[in-house]
N, C-alpha and C. Protein backbone atom coordinates (compact mmCIF):
# COMPACT_ATOMS: atom_id res chain seq x y z
N UNK A 1 143.04 144.40 99.04
CA UNK A 1 143.16 143.92 100.40
C UNK A 1 142.44 144.87 101.34
N UNK A 2 141.86 144.33 102.33
CA UNK A 2 141.20 145.16 103.33
C UNK A 2 142.13 145.35 104.50
N UNK A 3 142.03 146.51 105.07
CA UNK A 3 142.86 146.79 106.23
C UNK A 3 142.16 146.25 107.47
N UNK A 4 142.92 145.73 108.35
CA UNK A 4 142.35 145.30 109.61
C UNK A 4 142.37 146.47 110.56
N UNK A 5 141.41 146.57 111.36
CA UNK A 5 141.34 147.66 112.32
C UNK A 5 142.21 147.35 113.52
N UNK A 6 142.75 148.38 114.05
CA UNK A 6 143.58 148.19 115.23
C UNK A 6 142.69 147.90 116.41
N UNK A 7 143.10 146.95 117.16
CA UNK A 7 142.39 146.63 118.38
C UNK A 7 141.22 145.67 118.20
N UNK A 8 140.92 145.20 116.97
CA UNK A 8 139.84 144.24 116.79
C UNK A 8 140.41 142.83 116.79
N UNK A 9 139.70 141.94 117.42
CA UNK A 9 140.13 140.55 117.49
C UNK A 9 139.33 139.73 116.50
N UNK A 10 139.93 138.70 115.93
CA UNK A 10 139.14 137.80 115.06
C UNK A 10 138.08 137.10 115.91
N UNK A 11 136.96 136.72 115.25
CA UNK A 11 135.91 136.05 116.03
C UNK A 11 136.43 134.74 116.62
N UNK A 12 135.96 134.45 117.82
CA UNK A 12 136.40 133.24 118.52
C UNK A 12 135.70 132.03 117.92
N UNK A 13 136.45 130.99 117.61
CA UNK A 13 135.89 129.76 117.09
C UNK A 13 135.92 128.74 118.23
N UNK A 14 134.74 128.27 118.60
CA UNK A 14 134.63 127.33 119.70
C UNK A 14 135.08 125.94 119.27
N UNK A 15 135.55 125.12 120.22
CA UNK A 15 136.01 123.77 119.88
C UNK A 15 134.94 122.92 119.22
N UNK A 16 133.68 123.10 119.64
CA UNK A 16 132.61 122.31 119.01
C UNK A 16 132.47 122.68 117.54
N UNK A 17 132.62 123.97 117.21
CA UNK A 17 132.55 124.40 115.81
C UNK A 17 133.73 123.85 115.01
N UNK A 18 134.92 123.80 115.63
CA UNK A 18 136.10 123.27 114.94
C UNK A 18 135.90 121.79 114.61
N UNK A 19 135.38 121.03 115.59
CA UNK A 19 135.16 119.59 115.35
C UNK A 19 134.11 119.38 114.26
N UNK A 20 133.03 120.17 114.29
CA UNK A 20 131.97 120.04 113.29
C UNK A 20 132.49 120.38 111.90
N UNK A 21 133.31 121.45 111.79
CA UNK A 21 133.87 121.83 110.49
C UNK A 21 134.80 120.77 109.95
N UNK A 22 135.51 120.04 110.82
CA UNK A 22 136.38 118.95 110.35
C UNK A 22 135.54 117.77 109.88
N UNK A 23 134.47 117.50 110.62
CA UNK A 23 133.62 116.35 110.28
C UNK A 23 132.77 116.63 109.04
N UNK A 24 132.18 117.82 108.93
CA UNK A 24 131.29 118.18 107.83
C UNK A 24 131.79 119.48 107.22
N UNK A 25 132.73 119.40 106.28
CA UNK A 25 133.26 120.63 105.70
C UNK A 25 132.24 121.30 104.78
N UNK A 26 132.32 122.61 104.69
CA UNK A 26 131.43 123.38 103.83
C UNK A 26 131.90 123.23 102.39
N UNK A 27 130.94 123.04 101.49
CA UNK A 27 131.24 122.93 100.06
C UNK A 27 130.40 123.96 99.33
N UNK A 28 131.01 124.71 98.45
CA UNK A 28 130.26 125.68 97.66
C UNK A 28 130.82 125.69 96.25
N UNK A 29 129.97 126.06 95.31
CA UNK A 29 130.40 126.15 93.92
C UNK A 29 129.48 127.10 93.20
N UNK A 30 129.89 127.52 92.03
CA UNK A 30 129.10 128.44 91.22
C UNK A 30 128.72 127.74 89.92
N UNK A 31 127.45 127.92 89.54
CA UNK A 31 126.95 127.34 88.28
C UNK A 31 126.04 128.37 87.62
N UNK A 32 125.78 128.18 86.33
CA UNK A 32 124.96 129.15 85.59
C UNK A 32 123.47 128.97 85.94
N UNK A 33 122.67 129.96 85.56
CA UNK A 33 121.24 129.98 85.91
C UNK A 33 120.46 128.81 85.32
N UNK A 34 120.77 128.40 84.10
CA UNK A 34 120.06 127.27 83.48
C UNK A 34 120.26 125.99 84.27
N UNK A 35 121.48 125.77 84.71
CA UNK A 35 121.77 124.56 85.49
C UNK A 35 121.08 124.63 86.85
N UNK A 36 121.02 125.83 87.44
CA UNK A 36 120.35 126.00 88.72
C UNK A 36 118.87 125.66 88.59
N UNK A 37 118.23 126.11 87.51
CA UNK A 37 116.81 125.81 87.29
C UNK A 37 116.59 124.31 87.15
N UNK A 38 117.45 123.65 86.37
CA UNK A 38 117.33 122.20 86.21
C UNK A 38 117.53 121.49 87.54
N UNK A 39 118.47 121.96 88.33
CA UNK A 39 118.76 121.37 89.63
C UNK A 39 117.55 121.49 90.56
N UNK A 40 116.90 122.65 90.54
CA UNK A 40 115.70 122.82 91.37
C UNK A 40 114.58 121.90 90.89
N UNK A 41 114.41 121.72 89.59
CA UNK A 41 113.38 120.82 89.06
C UNK A 41 113.63 119.39 89.50
N UNK A 42 114.87 118.95 89.40
CA UNK A 42 115.21 117.57 89.82
C UNK A 42 115.00 117.41 91.32
N UNK A 43 115.36 118.43 92.08
CA UNK A 43 115.17 118.37 93.53
C UNK A 43 113.68 118.27 93.87
N UNK A 44 112.85 119.02 93.15
CA UNK A 44 111.41 118.99 93.40
C UNK A 44 110.83 117.62 93.08
N UNK A 45 111.36 116.96 92.04
CA UNK A 45 110.86 115.63 91.66
C UNK A 45 111.38 114.52 92.57
N UNK A 46 112.50 114.78 93.23
CA UNK A 46 113.07 113.75 94.08
C UNK A 46 112.30 113.67 95.39
N UNK A 47 112.50 112.60 96.10
CA UNK A 47 111.84 112.45 97.40
C UNK A 47 112.75 112.89 98.53
N UNK A 48 113.84 113.59 98.21
CA UNK A 48 114.78 114.08 99.22
C UNK A 48 114.13 115.19 100.03
N UNK A 49 114.34 115.16 101.34
CA UNK A 49 113.75 116.18 102.20
C UNK A 49 114.62 117.42 102.29
N UNK A 50 115.93 117.26 102.17
CA UNK A 50 116.85 118.39 102.27
C UNK A 50 117.81 118.37 101.09
N UNK A 51 118.50 119.51 100.89
CA UNK A 51 119.49 119.57 99.82
C UNK A 51 120.66 118.64 100.12
N UNK A 52 121.02 118.50 101.39
CA UNK A 52 122.11 117.60 101.75
C UNK A 52 121.80 116.16 101.36
N UNK A 53 120.57 115.73 101.67
CA UNK A 53 120.17 114.36 101.27
C UNK A 53 120.16 114.23 99.76
N UNK A 54 119.72 115.29 99.08
CA UNK A 54 119.66 115.26 97.62
C UNK A 54 121.05 115.06 97.02
N UNK A 55 122.03 115.84 97.49
CA UNK A 55 123.39 115.72 96.94
C UNK A 55 124.04 114.40 97.34
N UNK A 56 123.75 113.92 98.56
CA UNK A 56 124.27 112.60 98.95
C UNK A 56 123.71 111.51 98.05
N UNK A 57 122.44 111.66 97.67
CA UNK A 57 121.85 110.65 96.78
C UNK A 57 122.52 110.67 95.41
N UNK A 58 122.91 111.86 94.96
CA UNK A 58 123.61 111.95 93.68
C UNK A 58 124.96 111.26 93.76
N UNK A 59 125.61 111.36 94.92
CA UNK A 59 126.92 110.72 95.09
C UNK A 59 126.75 109.21 95.27
N UNK A 60 125.67 108.81 95.94
CA UNK A 60 125.45 107.38 96.08
C UNK A 60 125.15 106.90 97.48
N UNK A 61 125.19 107.80 98.49
CA UNK A 61 124.85 107.36 99.84
C UNK A 61 123.38 106.99 99.93
N UNK A 62 122.55 107.79 99.33
CA UNK A 62 121.12 107.55 99.35
C UNK A 62 120.66 107.28 97.92
N UNK A 63 119.60 106.50 97.81
CA UNK A 63 119.07 106.20 96.49
C UNK A 63 118.10 107.30 96.09
N UNK A 64 118.35 107.92 94.96
CA UNK A 64 117.48 108.97 94.46
C UNK A 64 116.29 108.32 93.76
N UNK A 65 115.11 108.71 94.18
CA UNK A 65 113.91 108.11 93.59
C UNK A 65 113.10 109.20 92.91
N UNK A 66 113.04 109.14 91.62
CA UNK A 66 112.17 110.01 90.85
C UNK A 66 110.92 109.22 90.52
N UNK A 67 109.78 109.83 90.74
CA UNK A 67 108.54 109.11 90.44
C UNK A 67 108.03 109.56 89.09
N UNK A 68 107.40 108.63 88.40
CA UNK A 68 106.89 108.94 87.07
C UNK A 68 105.59 109.73 87.20
N UNK A 69 105.18 110.31 86.10
CA UNK A 69 103.95 111.09 86.08
C UNK A 69 102.75 110.19 86.37
N UNK A 70 102.75 108.98 85.83
CA UNK A 70 101.65 108.04 86.07
C UNK A 70 101.56 107.67 87.54
N UNK A 71 102.72 107.43 88.15
CA UNK A 71 102.73 107.08 89.57
C UNK A 71 102.25 108.26 90.42
N UNK A 72 102.63 109.47 90.04
CA UNK A 72 102.18 110.65 90.77
C UNK A 72 100.67 110.81 90.65
N UNK A 73 100.12 110.59 89.46
CA UNK A 73 98.66 110.66 89.27
C UNK A 73 97.96 109.60 90.10
N UNK A 74 98.51 108.39 90.09
CA UNK A 74 97.91 107.31 90.86
C UNK A 74 97.92 107.63 92.35
N UNK A 75 99.05 108.15 92.84
CA UNK A 75 99.15 108.51 94.26
C UNK A 75 98.17 109.62 94.60
N UNK A 76 98.05 110.60 93.72
CA UNK A 76 97.10 111.70 93.94
C UNK A 76 95.67 111.21 93.94
N UNK A 77 95.33 110.30 93.04
CA UNK A 77 93.98 109.74 92.98
C UNK A 77 93.67 108.98 94.27
N UNK A 78 94.63 108.15 94.72
CA UNK A 78 94.41 107.38 95.94
C UNK A 78 94.25 108.30 97.15
N UNK A 79 95.05 109.36 97.20
CA UNK A 79 94.95 110.30 98.31
C UNK A 79 93.58 110.99 98.30
N UNK A 80 93.14 111.42 97.14
CA UNK A 80 91.82 112.05 97.02
C UNK A 80 90.70 111.09 97.36
N UNK A 81 90.83 109.83 96.93
CA UNK A 81 89.80 108.83 97.23
C UNK A 81 89.71 108.60 98.73
N UNK A 82 90.89 108.49 99.40
CA UNK A 82 90.88 108.30 100.86
C UNK A 82 90.26 109.49 101.57
N UNK A 83 90.56 110.70 101.11
CA UNK A 83 89.98 111.88 101.73
C UNK A 83 88.46 111.89 101.56
N UNK A 84 87.99 111.60 100.34
CA UNK A 84 86.55 111.58 100.08
C UNK A 84 85.87 110.47 100.89
N UNK A 85 86.52 109.32 100.98
CA UNK A 85 85.96 108.19 101.73
C UNK A 85 85.79 108.58 103.19
N UNK A 86 86.82 109.19 103.77
CA UNK A 86 86.74 109.54 105.18
C UNK A 86 85.72 110.66 105.41
N UNK A 87 85.52 111.53 104.42
CA UNK A 87 84.59 112.64 104.61
C UNK A 87 83.14 112.24 104.34
N UNK A 88 82.89 111.39 103.32
CA UNK A 88 81.52 111.14 102.89
C UNK A 88 81.00 109.73 103.17
N UNK A 89 81.83 108.82 103.62
CA UNK A 89 81.36 107.46 103.86
C UNK A 89 80.47 107.44 105.11
N UNK A 90 79.42 106.63 105.04
CA UNK A 90 78.53 106.46 106.18
C UNK A 90 78.94 105.18 106.89
N UNK A 91 79.22 105.30 108.17
CA UNK A 91 79.63 104.12 108.92
C UNK A 91 78.91 104.10 110.26
N UNK A 92 78.76 102.90 110.79
CA UNK A 92 78.12 102.73 112.10
C UNK A 92 78.58 101.40 112.68
N UNK A 93 78.50 101.25 114.00
CA UNK A 93 78.96 100.00 114.60
C UNK A 93 77.94 98.89 114.41
N UNK A 94 78.45 97.68 114.24
CA UNK A 94 77.61 96.50 114.10
C UNK A 94 76.89 96.23 115.43
N UNK A 95 75.63 95.83 115.37
CA UNK A 95 74.87 95.57 116.58
C UNK A 95 75.33 94.30 117.29
N UNK A 96 75.96 93.37 116.56
CA UNK A 96 76.39 92.11 117.16
C UNK A 96 77.83 92.16 117.66
N UNK A 97 78.77 92.53 116.78
CA UNK A 97 80.19 92.45 117.14
C UNK A 97 80.81 93.80 117.48
N UNK A 98 80.19 94.90 117.08
CA UNK A 98 80.72 96.22 117.39
C UNK A 98 81.71 96.76 116.36
N UNK A 99 82.10 95.97 115.37
CA UNK A 99 83.01 96.46 114.33
C UNK A 99 82.28 97.43 113.43
N UNK A 100 83.06 98.27 112.76
CA UNK A 100 82.48 99.32 111.92
C UNK A 100 81.96 98.73 110.61
N UNK A 101 80.77 99.15 110.23
CA UNK A 101 80.17 98.76 108.95
C UNK A 101 80.16 100.00 108.08
N UNK A 102 80.67 99.87 106.86
CA UNK A 102 80.63 100.98 105.90
C UNK A 102 79.55 100.68 104.88
N UNK A 103 78.77 101.68 104.56
CA UNK A 103 77.71 101.52 103.56
C UNK A 103 78.31 101.90 102.21
N UNK A 104 78.60 100.88 101.41
CA UNK A 104 79.19 101.17 100.11
C UNK A 104 78.66 100.27 99.01
N UNK A 105 77.87 99.26 99.34
CA UNK A 105 77.32 98.41 98.29
C UNK A 105 75.90 98.85 97.95
N UNK A 106 75.47 98.63 96.72
CA UNK A 106 74.12 99.06 96.34
C UNK A 106 73.03 98.42 97.20
N UNK A 107 73.21 97.16 97.61
CA UNK A 107 72.21 96.51 98.45
C UNK A 107 72.05 97.19 99.79
N UNK A 108 73.17 97.49 100.43
CA UNK A 108 73.12 98.17 101.72
C UNK A 108 72.53 99.56 101.59
N UNK A 109 72.89 100.25 100.50
CA UNK A 109 72.35 101.60 100.29
C UNK A 109 70.83 101.55 100.15
N UNK A 110 70.32 100.55 99.42
CA UNK A 110 68.87 100.43 99.26
C UNK A 110 68.19 100.15 100.59
N UNK A 111 68.80 99.27 101.42
CA UNK A 111 68.23 98.98 102.73
C UNK A 111 68.16 100.22 103.60
N UNK A 112 69.23 100.98 103.62
CA UNK A 112 69.26 102.19 104.44
C UNK A 112 68.27 103.21 103.90
N UNK A 113 68.17 103.33 102.58
CA UNK A 113 67.23 104.27 101.98
C UNK A 113 65.79 103.91 102.38
N UNK A 114 65.44 102.63 102.34
CA UNK A 114 64.09 102.20 102.74
C UNK A 114 63.82 102.52 104.21
N UNK A 115 64.82 102.27 105.06
CA UNK A 115 64.64 102.54 106.49
C UNK A 115 64.45 104.04 106.73
N UNK A 116 65.19 104.87 106.00
CA UNK A 116 65.05 106.31 106.18
C UNK A 116 63.70 106.81 105.68
N UNK A 117 63.20 106.23 104.61
CA UNK A 117 61.88 106.61 104.10
C UNK A 117 60.81 106.22 105.12
N UNK A 118 60.94 105.02 105.70
CA UNK A 118 59.98 104.57 106.70
C UNK A 118 60.03 105.43 107.95
N UNK A 119 61.21 105.96 108.28
CA UNK A 119 61.35 106.81 109.47
C UNK A 119 60.72 108.18 109.26
N UNK A 120 60.39 108.53 108.02
CA UNK A 120 59.76 109.79 107.67
C UNK A 120 60.57 110.98 108.16
N UNK A 121 61.85 110.97 107.83
CA UNK A 121 62.71 112.09 108.20
C UNK A 121 62.40 113.29 107.31
N UNK A 122 62.58 114.47 107.85
CA UNK A 122 62.33 115.69 107.09
C UNK A 122 63.43 116.70 107.40
N UNK A 123 63.53 117.72 106.58
CA UNK A 123 64.49 118.80 106.83
C UNK A 123 64.14 119.48 108.15
N UNK A 124 65.14 119.97 108.84
CA UNK A 124 64.88 120.69 110.08
C UNK A 124 64.17 122.02 109.81
N UNK A 125 64.42 122.60 108.62
CA UNK A 125 63.84 123.90 108.29
C UNK A 125 62.40 123.79 107.82
N UNK A 126 61.97 122.59 107.41
CA UNK A 126 60.63 122.44 106.85
C UNK A 126 59.57 122.66 107.91
N UNK A 127 58.49 123.41 107.57
CA UNK A 127 57.40 123.56 108.54
C UNK A 127 56.64 122.24 108.66
N UNK A 128 56.08 122.04 109.82
CA UNK A 128 55.30 120.82 110.03
C UNK A 128 53.95 120.97 109.34
N UNK A 129 53.60 120.00 108.55
CA UNK A 129 52.34 120.04 107.82
C UNK A 129 51.30 119.24 108.59
N UNK A 130 50.10 119.72 108.57
CA UNK A 130 49.00 118.99 109.20
C UNK A 130 48.27 118.23 108.12
N UNK A 131 48.58 116.96 107.98
CA UNK A 131 47.92 116.15 106.99
C UNK A 131 46.61 115.64 107.57
N UNK A 132 45.54 115.71 106.75
CA UNK A 132 44.27 115.16 107.20
C UNK A 132 44.35 113.64 107.13
N UNK A 133 43.73 113.02 108.05
CA UNK A 133 43.70 111.56 108.06
C UNK A 133 42.76 111.10 106.95
N UNK A 134 43.18 110.10 106.19
CA UNK A 134 42.29 109.63 105.13
C UNK A 134 41.04 108.99 105.73
N UNK A 135 39.89 109.30 105.14
CA UNK A 135 38.63 108.72 105.61
C UNK A 135 38.17 107.67 104.61
N UNK A 136 37.45 106.73 105.12
CA UNK A 136 36.94 105.69 104.23
C UNK A 136 35.77 106.26 103.44
N UNK A 137 35.57 105.77 102.19
CA UNK A 137 34.46 106.29 101.39
C UNK A 137 33.12 105.93 102.03
N UNK A 138 32.17 106.83 101.86
CA UNK A 138 30.84 106.60 102.42
C UNK A 138 30.13 105.54 101.58
N UNK A 139 29.40 104.67 102.24
CA UNK A 139 28.68 103.65 101.46
C UNK A 139 27.53 104.29 100.67
N UNK A 140 27.28 103.74 99.49
CA UNK A 140 26.20 104.24 98.63
C UNK A 140 24.97 103.38 98.90
N UNK A 141 23.89 104.02 99.20
CA UNK A 141 22.68 103.22 99.41
C UNK A 141 22.29 102.50 98.12
N UNK A 142 21.71 101.31 98.27
CA UNK A 142 21.39 100.52 97.07
C UNK A 142 20.36 101.17 96.17
N UNK A 143 19.51 102.06 96.66
CA UNK A 143 18.47 102.64 95.81
C UNK A 143 19.00 103.80 94.97
N UNK A 144 20.21 104.29 95.24
CA UNK A 144 20.77 105.39 94.45
C UNK A 144 21.62 104.84 93.33
N UNK A 145 21.53 105.42 92.20
CA UNK A 145 22.36 104.98 91.08
C UNK A 145 23.42 106.04 90.80
N UNK A 146 24.59 105.59 90.50
CA UNK A 146 25.68 106.51 90.17
C UNK A 146 25.65 106.82 88.69
N UNK A 147 26.10 108.03 88.33
CA UNK A 147 26.23 108.30 86.89
C UNK A 147 27.44 107.55 86.34
N UNK A 148 27.32 107.11 85.14
CA UNK A 148 28.40 106.37 84.49
C UNK A 148 29.53 107.35 84.15
N UNK A 149 30.77 107.11 84.68
CA UNK A 149 31.85 108.04 84.38
C UNK A 149 32.30 107.98 82.93
N UNK A 150 32.03 106.88 82.25
CA UNK A 150 32.42 106.73 80.84
C UNK A 150 31.16 106.46 80.00
N UNK A 151 30.46 107.49 79.64
CA UNK A 151 29.25 107.25 78.85
C UNK A 151 29.65 106.76 77.45
N UNK A 152 28.77 105.98 76.82
CA UNK A 152 29.09 105.49 75.47
C UNK A 152 29.10 106.65 74.47
N UNK A 153 29.97 106.53 73.50
CA UNK A 153 30.09 107.56 72.48
C UNK A 153 29.04 107.32 71.42
N UNK A 154 28.32 108.36 71.10
CA UNK A 154 27.25 108.25 70.11
C UNK A 154 27.85 108.42 68.72
N UNK A 155 27.53 107.53 67.79
CA UNK A 155 28.08 107.69 66.44
C UNK A 155 27.47 108.93 65.78
N UNK A 156 28.32 109.63 65.06
CA UNK A 156 27.87 110.82 64.35
C UNK A 156 27.48 110.42 62.93
N UNK A 157 26.64 111.23 62.34
CA UNK A 157 26.25 110.98 60.96
C UNK A 157 27.41 111.35 60.05
N UNK A 158 27.58 110.56 59.01
CA UNK A 158 28.67 110.81 58.09
C UNK A 158 28.31 111.96 57.16
N UNK A 159 29.27 112.82 56.93
CA UNK A 159 29.04 113.93 56.03
C UNK A 159 29.24 113.45 54.59
N UNK A 160 28.82 114.28 53.66
CA UNK A 160 28.92 113.92 52.24
C UNK A 160 30.37 113.76 51.83
N UNK A 161 31.28 114.58 52.37
CA UNK A 161 32.70 114.47 52.03
C UNK A 161 33.29 113.15 52.54
N UNK A 162 32.87 112.73 53.74
CA UNK A 162 33.37 111.47 54.28
C UNK A 162 32.93 110.29 53.41
N UNK A 163 31.70 110.36 52.91
CA UNK A 163 31.19 109.29 52.04
C UNK A 163 32.00 109.25 50.75
N UNK A 164 32.30 110.39 50.17
CA UNK A 164 33.09 110.44 48.94
C UNK A 164 34.49 109.87 49.16
N UNK A 165 35.10 110.21 50.32
CA UNK A 165 36.44 109.74 50.60
C UNK A 165 36.43 108.23 50.79
N UNK A 166 35.41 107.69 51.49
CA UNK A 166 35.34 106.25 51.70
C UNK A 166 35.15 105.51 50.37
N UNK A 167 34.33 106.05 49.46
CA UNK A 167 34.13 105.41 48.16
C UNK A 167 35.43 105.42 47.37
N UNK A 168 36.17 106.56 47.43
CA UNK A 168 37.44 106.64 46.70
C UNK A 168 38.42 105.61 47.22
N UNK A 169 38.49 105.45 48.55
CA UNK A 169 39.42 104.49 49.14
C UNK A 169 39.03 103.05 48.81
N UNK A 170 37.75 102.78 48.73
CA UNK A 170 37.31 101.41 48.45
C UNK A 170 37.55 101.04 47.01
N UNK A 171 37.54 102.00 46.10
CA UNK A 171 37.72 101.67 44.69
C UNK A 171 39.17 101.55 44.30
């Protein structure tokens, strides 16, 4: 037993605290470490936001919902897809109605790609190149003759070994 000190008063309990304690009494219990670990795992898998909601769901006030691994994967995939869509999707307003158009079909992608190629966009870091304008070829006067780019191949004389090989193959 502990001795009480002379002259000390017990802490004052306010009426609001008394009413709250009557309405929501404190509950405590002791359990072993293995059970505590399992309890934390179940709580993590549940959709309960607080421990109070979790224990009420066990009693039956709230429905405890454990999600399966497949459902968790599906939810994670959908969340990732939505994030990627919002970050990487190209959208622009329609010229007629003003609603948003998303570029996600191969046909639309090809159209946009062609328009961007025609616009001749370049990197901001790229230096500007001075391309020479193509010139038309100079006309050739009729009295000048061009050399033939593909001259005829002259047959070579057959060597004695080639003749022997041809005779062997023919026989």
